[in-house]
Structures are given as C-alpha cells and as structure tokens.
All heavy atoms as atom14 arrays in JSON, in Angstrom:
{
  "sequence": "FVSIGTSGNVYPAAGFVAEAHHRAGAHCMELNLEPSD",
  "atom14_mask": [
    [1, 1, 1, 1, 1, 1, 1, 1, 1, 1, 1, 0, 0, 0],
    [1, 1, 1, 1, 1, 1, 1, 0, 0, 0, 0, 0, 0, 0],
    [1, 1, 1, 1, 1, 1, 0, 0, 0, 0, 0, 0, 0, 0],
    [1, 1, 1, 1, 1, 1, 1, 1, 0, 0, 0, 0, 0, 0],
    [1, 1, 1, 1, 0, 0, 0, 0, 0, 0, 0, 0, 0, 0],
    [1, 1, 1, 1, 1, 1, 1, 0, 0, 0, 0, 0, 0, 0],
    [1, 1, 1, 1, 1, 1, 0, 0, 0, 0, 0, 0, 0, 0],
    [1, 1, 1, 1, 0, 0, 0, 0, 0, 0, 0, 0, 0, 0],
    [1, 1, 1, 1, 1, 1, 1, 1, 0, 0, 0, 0, 0, 0],
    [1, 1, 1, 1, 1, 1, 1, 0, 0, 0, 0, 0, 0, 0],
    [1, 1, 1, 1, 1, 1, 1, 1, 1, 1, 1, 1, 0, 0],
    [1, 1, 1, 1, 1, 1, 1, 0, 0, 0, 0, 0, 0, 0],
    [1, 1, 1, 1, 1, 0, 0, 0, 0, 0, 0, 0, 0, 0],
    [1, 1, 1, 1, 1, 0, 0, 0, 0, 0, 0, 0, 0, 0],
    [1, 1, 1, 1, 0, 0, 0, 0, 0, 0, 0, 0, 0, 0],
    [1, 1, 1, 1, 1, 1, 1, 1, 1, 1, 1, 0, 0, 0],
    [1, 1, 1, 1, 1, 1, 1, 0, 0, 0, 0, 0, 0, 0],
    [1, 1, 1, 1, 1, 0, 0, 0, 0, 0, 0, 0, 0, 0],
    [1, 1, 1, 1, 1, 1, 1, 1, 1, 0, 0, 0, 0, 0],
    [1, 1, 1, 1, 1, 0, 0, 0, 0, 0, 0, 0, 0, 0],
    [1, 1, 1, 1, 1, 1, 1, 1, 1, 1, 0, 0, 0, 0],
    [1, 1, 1, 1, 1, 1, 1, 1, 1, 1, 0, 0, 0, 0],
    [1, 1, 1, 1, 1, 1, 1, 1, 1, 1, 1, 0, 0, 0],
    [1, 1, 1, 1, 1, 0, 0, 0, 0, 0, 0, 0, 0, 0],
    [1, 1, 1, 1, 0, 0, 0, 0, 0, 0, 0, 0, 0, 0],
    [1, 1, 1, 1, 1, 0, 0, 0, 0, 0, 0, 0, 0, 0],
    [1, 1, 1, 1, 1, 1, 1, 1, 1, 1, 0, 0, 0, 0],
    [1, 1, 1, 1, 1, 1, 0, 0, 0, 0, 0, 0, 0, 0],
    [1, 1, 1, 1, 1, 1, 1, 1, 0, 0, 0, 0, 0, 0],
    [1, 1, 1, 1, 1, 1, 1, 1, 1, 0, 0, 0, 0, 0],
    [1, 1, 1, 1, 1, 1, 1, 1, 0, 0, 0, 0, 0, 0],
    [1, 1, 1, 1, 1, 1, 1, 1, 0, 0, 0, 0, 0, 0],
    [1, 1, 1, 1, 1, 1, 1, 1, 0, 0, 0, 0, 0, 0],
    [1, 1, 1, 1, 1, 1, 1, 1, 1, 0, 0, 0, 0, 0],
    [1, 1, 1, 1, 1, 1, 1, 0, 0, 0, 0, 0, 0, 0],
    [1, 1, 1, 1, 1, 1, 0, 0, 0, 0, 0, 0, 0, 0],
    [1, 1, 1, 1, 1, 1, 1, 1, 0, 0, 0, 0, 0, 0]
  ],
  "atom14_positions": [
    [[0.86, -1.18, 0.0], [0.0, 0.0, 0.0], [0.9, 1.23, 0.0], [1.81, 1.34, 0.82], [-0.91, 0.02, 1.22], [-1.68, 1.31, 1.37], [-2.75, 1.6, 0.53], [-1.31, 2.25, 2.33], [-3.45, 2.8, 0.64], [-2.0, 3.45, 2.46], [-3.08, 3.73, 1.61], [0.0, 0.0, 0.0], [0.0, 0.0, 0.0], [0.0, 0.0, 0.0]],
    [[0.63, 2.14, -0.93], [1.45, 3.35, -1.07], [0.53, 4.56, -0.96], [-0.48, 4.65, -1.67], [2.2, 3.39, -2.42], [3.13, 4.59, -2.47], [2.97, 2.1, -2.66], [0.0, 0.0, 0.0], [0.0, 0.0, 0.0], [0.0, 0.0, 0.0], [0.0, 0.0, 0.0], [0.0, 0.0, 0.0], [0.0, 0.0, 0.0], [0.0, 0.0, 0.0]],
    [[0.88, 5.49, -0.1], [0.13, 6.74, 0.04], [0.99, 7.88, -0.48], [2.14, 8.05, -0.05], [-0.23, 6.97, 1.51], [-0.88, 8.21, 1.69], [0.0, 0.0, 0.0], [0.0, 0.0, 0.0], [0.0, 0.0, 0.0], [0.0, 0.0, 0.0], [0.0, 0.0, 0.0], [0.0, 0.0, 0.0], [0.0, 0.0, 0.0], [0.0, 0.0, 0.0]],
    [[0.43, 8.67, -1.4], [1.2, 9.72, -2.07], [0.48, 11.06, -1.95], [-0.67, 11.2, -2.36], [1.4, 9.4, -3.56], [2.09, 8.05, -3.74], [2.19, 10.51, -4.25], [2.16, 7.58, -5.19], [0.0, 0.0, 0.0], [0.0, 0.0, 0.0], [0.0, 0.0, 0.0], [0.0, 0.0, 0.0], [0.0, 0.0, 0.0], [0.0, 0.0, 0.0]],
    [[1.15, 12.04, -1.37], [0.64, 13.41, -1.38], [-0.63, 13.62, -0.59], [-1.46, 14.43, -0.99], [0.0, 0.0, 0.0], [0.0, 0.0, 0.0], [0.0, 0.0, 0.0], [0.0, 0.0, 0.0], [0.0, 0.0, 0.0], [0.0, 0.0, 0.0], [0.0, 0.0, 0.0], [0.0, 0.0, 0.0], [0.0, 0.0, 0.0], [0.0, 0.0, 0.0]],
    [[-0.78, 12.91, 0.53], [-1.99, 13.06, 1.34], [-1.65, 13.62, 2.71], [-0.55, 13.42, 3.23], [-2.73, 11.73, 1.51], [-1.94, 10.84, 2.3], [-3.0, 11.09, 0.16], [0.0, 0.0, 0.0], [0.0, 0.0, 0.0], [0.0, 0.0, 0.0], [0.0, 0.0, 0.0], [0.0, 0.0, 0.0], [0.0, 0.0, 0.0], [0.0, 0.0, 0.0]],
    [[-2.63, 14.29, 3.33], [-2.42, 14.9, 4.64], [-2.5, 13.89, 5.77], [-1.95, 14.11, 6.85], [-3.46, 15.99, 4.88], [-4.77, 15.44, 4.92], [0.0, 0.0, 0.0], [0.0, 0.0, 0.0], [0.0, 0.0, 0.0], [0.0, 0.0, 0.0], [0.0, 0.0, 0.0], [0.0, 0.0, 0.0], [0.0, 0.0, 0.0], [0.0, 0.0, 0.0]],
    [[-3.21, 12.78, 5.54], [-3.36, 11.77, 6.57], [-4.36, 12.12, 7.65], [-4.38, 11.48, 8.71], [0.0, 0.0, 0.0], [0.0, 0.0, 0.0], [0.0, 0.0, 0.0], [0.0, 0.0, 0.0], [0.0, 0.0, 0.0], [0.0, 0.0, 0.0], [0.0, 0.0, 0.0], [0.0, 0.0, 0.0], [0.0, 0.0, 0.0], [0.0, 0.0, 0.0]],
    [[-5.22, 13.11, 7.4], [-6.2, 13.48, 8.42], [-7.63, 13.51, 7.9], [-8.53, 14.02, 8.58], [-5.85, 14.82, 9.07], [-5.82, 15.98, 8.08], [-6.28, 15.86, 6.96], [-5.27, 17.1, 8.52], [0.0, 0.0, 0.0], [0.0, 0.0, 0.0], [0.0, 0.0, 0.0], [0.0, 0.0, 0.0], [0.0, 0.0, 0.0], [0.0, 0.0, 0.0]],
    [[-7.87, 12.99, 6.7], [-9.22, 12.95, 6.14], [-9.66, 11.49, 6.03], [-9.04, 10.7, 5.32], [-9.27, 13.62, 4.75], [-10.67, 13.53, 4.17], [-8.83, 15.07, 4.84], [0.0, 0.0, 0.0], [0.0, 0.0, 0.0], [0.0, 0.0, 0.0], [0.0, 0.0, 0.0], [0.0, 0.0, 0.0], [0.0, 0.0, 0.0], [0.0, 0.0, 0.0]],
    [[-10.7, 11.15, 6.74], [-11.22, 9.78, 6.72], [-12.37, 9.66, 5.73], [-13.04, 10.65, 5.45], [-11.68, 9.38, 8.14], [-10.51, 9.09, 9.06], [-9.86, 10.13, 9.71], [-10.04, 7.8, 9.22], [-8.77, 9.87, 10.54], [-8.96, 7.53, 10.04], [-8.33, 8.57, 10.69], [-7.25, 8.31, 11.5], [0.0, 0.0, 0.0], [0.0, 0.0, 0.0]],
    [[-12.54, 8.46, 5.13], [-11.92, 7.19, 5.5], [-10.53, 6.93, 4.92], [-9.88, 5.97, 5.31], [-12.9, 6.16, 4.94], [-13.51, 6.83, 3.77], [-13.63, 8.29, 4.14], [0.0, 0.0, 0.0], [0.0, 0.0, 0.0], [0.0, 0.0, 0.0], [0.0, 0.0, 0.0], [0.0, 0.0, 0.0], [0.0, 0.0, 0.0], [0.0, 0.0, 0.0]],
    [[-10.05, 7.77, 4.0], [-8.77, 7.49, 3.36], [-7.62, 7.4, 4.35], [-6.69, 6.6, 4.18], [-8.47, 8.55, 2.3], [0.0, 0.0, 0.0], [0.0, 0.0, 0.0], [0.0, 0.0, 0.0], [0.0, 0.0, 0.0], [0.0, 0.0, 0.0], [0.0, 0.0, 0.0], [0.0, 0.0, 0.0], [0.0, 0.0, 0.0], [0.0, 0.0, 0.0]],
    [[-7.66, 8.2, 5.41], [-6.58, 8.18, 6.39], [-6.48, 6.84, 7.11], [-5.44, 6.51, 7.67], [-6.78, 9.31, 7.41], [0.0, 0.0, 0.0], [0.0, 0.0, 0.0], [0.0, 0.0, 0.0], [0.0, 0.0, 0.0], [0.0, 0.0, 0.0], [0.0, 0.0, 0.0], [0.0, 0.0, 0.0], [0.0, 0.0, 0.0], [0.0, 0.0, 0.0]],
    [[-7.55, 6.06, 7.07], [-7.54, 4.75, 7.7], [-7.09, 3.61, 6.81], [-6.97, 2.46, 7.27], [0.0, 0.0, 0.0], [0.0, 0.0, 0.0], [0.0, 0.0, 0.0], [0.0, 0.0, 0.0], [0.0, 0.0, 0.0], [0.0, 0.0, 0.0], [0.0, 0.0, 0.0], [0.0, 0.0, 0.0], [0.0, 0.0, 0.0], [0.0, 0.0, 0.0]],
    [[-6.8, 3.9, 5.55], [-6.43, 2.83, 4.62], [-5.14, 2.13, 5.02], [-4.99, 0.92, 4.84], [-6.3, 3.39, 3.2], [-7.6, 3.77, 2.54], [-7.6, 4.39, 1.29], [-8.83, 3.53, 3.15], [-8.78, 4.75, 0.67], [-10.02, 3.89, 2.54], [-9.99, 4.5, 1.3], [0.0, 0.0, 0.0], [0.0, 0.0, 0.0], [0.0, 0.0, 0.0]],
    [[-4.17, 2.88, 5.53], [-2.88, 2.27, 5.88], [-3.07, 1.23, 6.99], [-2.51, 0.13, 6.92], [-1.85, 3.35, 6.29], [-2.34, 4.23, 7.42], [-0.51, 2.68, 6.67], [0.0, 0.0, 0.0], [0.0, 0.0, 0.0], [0.0, 0.0, 0.0], [0.0, 0.0, 0.0], [0.0, 0.0, 0.0], [0.0, 0.0, 0.0], [0.0, 0.0, 0.0]],
    [[-3.87, 1.55, 7.99], [-4.12, 0.58, 9.07], [-4.88, -0.63, 8.56], [-4.6, -1.78, 8.95], [-4.9, 1.25, 10.21], [0.0, 0.0, 0.0], [0.0, 0.0, 0.0], [0.0, 0.0, 0.0], [0.0, 0.0, 0.0], [0.0, 0.0, 0.0], [0.0, 0.0, 0.0], [0.0, 0.0, 0.0], [0.0, 0.0, 0.0], [0.0, 0.0, 0.0]],
    [[-5.81, -0.39, 7.64], [-6.59, -1.5, 7.08], [-5.69, -2.43, 6.27], [-5.8, -3.66, 6.39], [-7.73, -0.94, 6.22], [-8.78, -1.95, 5.87], [-10.05, -1.32, 5.32], [-10.19, -0.09, 5.37], [-10.9, -2.09, 4.86], [0.0, 0.0, 0.0], [0.0, 0.0, 0.0], [0.0, 0.0, 0.0], [0.0, 0.0, 0.0], [0.0, 0.0, 0.0]],
    [[-4.82, -1.87, 5.45], [-3.91, -2.7, 4.66], [-2.95, -3.48, 5.55], [-2.64, -4.65, 5.29], [-3.13, -1.82, 3.68], [0.0, 0.0, 0.0], [0.0, 0.0, 0.0], [0.0, 0.0, 0.0], [0.0, 0.0, 0.0], [0.0, 0.0, 0.0], [0.0, 0.0, 0.0], [0.0, 0.0, 0.0], [0.0, 0.0, 0.0], [0.0, 0.0, 0.0]],
    [[-2.47, -2.85, 6.61], [-1.59, -3.51, 7.57], [-2.29, -4.69, 8.25], [-1.82, -5.82, 8.22], [-1.17, -2.52, 8.66], [0.23, -2.04, 8.54], [1.32, -2.86, 8.3], [0.75, -0.79, 8.64], [2.42, -2.15, 8.25], [2.11, -0.88, 8.45], [0.0, 0.0, 0.0], [0.0, 0.0, 0.0], [0.0, 0.0, 0.0], [0.0, 0.0, 0.0]],
    [[-3.44, -4.4, 8.83], [-4.08, -5.39, 9.7], [-4.78, -6.5, 8.94], [-4.75, -7.66, 9.36], [-5.07, -4.68, 10.63], [-4.41, -3.7, 11.55], [-5.05, -2.59, 12.06], [-3.14, -3.66, 12.05], [-4.23, -1.92, 12.83], [-3.05, -2.54, 12.83], [0.0, 0.0, 0.0], [0.0, 0.0, 0.0], [0.0, 0.0, 0.0], [0.0, 0.0, 0.0]],
    [[-5.41, -6.17, 7.82], [-6.18, -7.17, 7.09], [-5.33, -7.96, 6.11], [-5.57, -9.15, 5.89], [-7.34, -6.51, 6.34], [-8.43, -5.95, 7.26], [-9.57, -5.37, 6.46], [-10.11, -6.35, 5.53], [-10.71, -6.05, 4.38], [-10.83, -4.78, 4.0], [-11.18, -6.99, 3.6], [0.0, 0.0, 0.0], [0.0, 0.0, 0.0], [0.0, 0.0, 0.0]],
    [[-4.34, -7.33, 5.5], [-3.56, -8.01, 4.46], [-2.11, -8.25, 4.86], [-1.39, -8.96, 4.16], [-3.61, -7.19, 3.17], [0.0, 0.0, 0.0], [0.0, 0.0, 0.0], [0.0, 0.0, 0.0], [0.0, 0.0, 0.0], [0.0, 0.0, 0.0], [0.0, 0.0, 0.0], [0.0, 0.0, 0.0], [0.0, 0.0, 0.0], [0.0, 0.0, 0.0]],
    [[-1.67, -7.65, 5.94], [-0.25, -7.75, 6.28], [0.63, -7.06, 5.26], [1.79, -7.43, 5.06], [0.0, 0.0, 0.0], [0.0, 0.0, 0.0], [0.0, 0.0, 0.0], [0.0, 0.0, 0.0], [0.0, 0.0, 0.0], [0.0, 0.0, 0.0], [0.0, 0.0, 0.0], [0.0, 0.0, 0.0], [0.0, 0.0, 0.0], [0.0, 0.0, 0.0]],
    [[0.08, -6.06, 4.59], [0.79, -5.38, 3.5], [1.92, -4.51, 4.03], [1.85, -3.98, 5.15], [-0.18, -4.51, 2.71], [0.0, 0.0, 0.0], [0.0, 0.0, 0.0], [0.0, 0.0, 0.0], [0.0, 0.0, 0.0], [0.0, 0.0, 0.0], [0.0, 0.0, 0.0], [0.0, 0.0, 0.0], [0.0, 0.0, 0.0], [0.0, 0.0, 0.0]],
    [[2.95, -4.37, 3.23], [3.96, -3.36, 3.48], [3.37, -2.01, 3.07], [2.69, -1.91, 2.04], [5.23, -3.66, 2.69], [5.97, -4.86, 3.18], [6.91, -4.81, 4.18], [5.88, -6.16, 2.83], [7.38, -6.02, 4.42], [6.76, -6.86, 3.61], [0.0, 0.0, 0.0], [0.0, 0.0, 0.0], [0.0, 0.0, 0.0], [0.0, 0.0, 0.0]],
    [[3.62, -0.99, 3.86], [3.0, 0.31, 3.63], [4.07, 1.38, 3.49], [4.97, 1.49, 4.33], [2.03, 0.65, 4.76], [0.64, -0.51, 4.89], [0.0, 0.0, 0.0], [0.0, 0.0, 0.0], [0.0, 0.0, 0.0], [0.0, 0.0, 0.0], [0.0, 0.0, 0.0], [0.0, 0.0, 0.0], [0.0, 0.0, 0.0], [0.0, 0.0, 0.0]],
    [[3.94, 2.18, 2.46], [4.97, 3.17, 2.1], [4.32, 4.54, 1.95], [3.26, 4.67, 1.33], [5.61, 2.75, 0.77], [6.74, 3.61, 0.32], [8.28, 3.05, 1.08], [9.43, 4.25, 0.41], [0.0, 0.0, 0.0], [0.0, 0.0, 0.0], [0.0, 0.0, 0.0], [0.0, 0.0, 0.0], [0.0, 0.0, 0.0], [0.0, 0.0, 0.0]],
    [[4.95, 5.56, 2.52], [4.48, 6.93, 2.33], [5.45, 7.7, 1.45], [6.66, 7.72, 1.71], [4.34, 7.64, 3.68], [3.95, 9.11, 3.53], [3.53, 9.76, 4.83], [4.42, 10.15, 5.63], [2.31, 9.86, 5.06], [0.0, 0.0, 0.0], [0.0, 0.0, 0.0], [0.0, 0.0, 0.0], [0.0, 0.0, 0.0], [0.0, 0.0, 0.0]],
    [[4.92, 8.32, 0.4], [5.67, 9.23, -0.45], [5.0, 10.59, -0.33], [3.84, 10.75, -0.72], [5.65, 8.75, -1.91], [6.07, 7.3, -2.18], [5.96, 7.0, -3.68], [7.48, 7.03, -1.69], [0.0, 0.0, 0.0], [0.0, 0.0, 0.0], [0.0, 0.0, 0.0], [0.0, 0.0, 0.0], [0.0, 0.0, 0.0], [0.0, 0.0, 0.0]],
    [[5.71, 11.56, 0.22], [5.05, 12.82, 0.51], [6.08, 13.94, 0.57], [7.29, 13.69, 0.68], [4.32, 12.73, 1.87], [3.02, 13.51, 1.9], [2.75, 14.33, 1.03], [2.21, 13.27, 2.92], [0.0, 0.0, 0.0], [0.0, 0.0, 0.0], [0.0, 0.0, 0.0], [0.0, 0.0, 0.0], [0.0, 0.0, 0.0], [0.0, 0.0, 0.0]],
    [[5.59, 15.16, 0.5], [6.5, 16.31, 0.62], [7.09, 16.36, 2.02], [8.26, 16.7, 2.2], [5.74, 17.6, 0.31], [6.58, 18.87, 0.2], [7.61, 18.76, -0.92], [5.67, 20.08, -0.02], [0.0, 0.0, 0.0], [0.0, 0.0, 0.0], [0.0, 0.0, 0.0], [0.0, 0.0, 0.0], [0.0, 0.0, 0.0], [0.0, 0.0, 0.0]],
    [[6.29, 16.0, 3.03], [6.72, 15.94, 4.42], [5.88, 14.9, 5.14], [4.86, 14.47, 4.6], [6.56, 17.31, 5.07], [5.17, 17.86, 5.0], [5.08, 19.31, 5.43], [6.11, 20.01, 5.42], [3.96, 19.74, 5.77], [0.0, 0.0, 0.0], [0.0, 0.0, 0.0], [0.0, 0.0, 0.0], [0.0, 0.0, 0.0], [0.0, 0.0, 0.0]],
    [[6.26, 14.48, 6.33], [5.48, 13.45, 7.03], [4.02, 13.87, 7.23], [3.74, 14.99, 7.62], [6.21, 13.3, 8.37], [7.62, 13.7, 8.07], [7.5, 14.81, 7.05], [0.0, 0.0, 0.0], [0.0, 0.0, 0.0], [0.0, 0.0, 0.0], [0.0, 0.0, 0.0], [0.0, 0.0, 0.0], [0.0, 0.0, 0.0], [0.0, 0.0, 0.0]],
    [[3.11, 12.94, 6.95], [1.7, 13.18, 7.14], [1.32, 12.98, 8.6], [2.15, 12.56, 9.42], [0.88, 12.23, 6.27], [0.99, 10.91, 6.77], [0.0, 0.0, 0.0], [0.0, 0.0, 0.0], [0.0, 0.0, 0.0], [0.0, 0.0, 0.0], [0.0, 0.0, 0.0], [0.0, 0.0, 0.0], [0.0, 0.0, 0.0], [0.0, 0.0, 0.0]],
    [[0.07, 13.24, 8.93], [-0.4, 13.02, 10.3], [-0.31, 11.55, 10.7], [-0.19, 11.23, 11.88], [-1.85, 13.49, 10.44], [-1.96, 15.01, 10.46], [-0.91, 15.68, 10.37], [-3.09, 15.52, 10.54], [0.0, 0.0, 0.0], [0.0, 0.0, 0.0], [0.0, 0.0, 0.0], [0.0, 0.0, 0.0], [0.0, 0.0, 0.0], [0.0, 0.0, 0.0]]
  ]
}
C-alpha cells in the first residue's frame, strides 16, 4: 500500500494504511512532501 501526497487526516482514506496492515499484512509506504499526520 502506497500513500502519495496526502495529509493523513481525512477519513476514511486516512484509515487505509491501518486497514492494509491489519487485514492483508501489507507493506505500507508513504511518499510525501513531508510526514503526514
């Protein structure tokens, strides 16, 4: 799961990383201008 250019504070999208982690055991990567929330 890759998150690109997001603030990390708008749901439900902000919850996708936790969902990918917990349900699929996916590796999760953030690509952003600066760290998101």
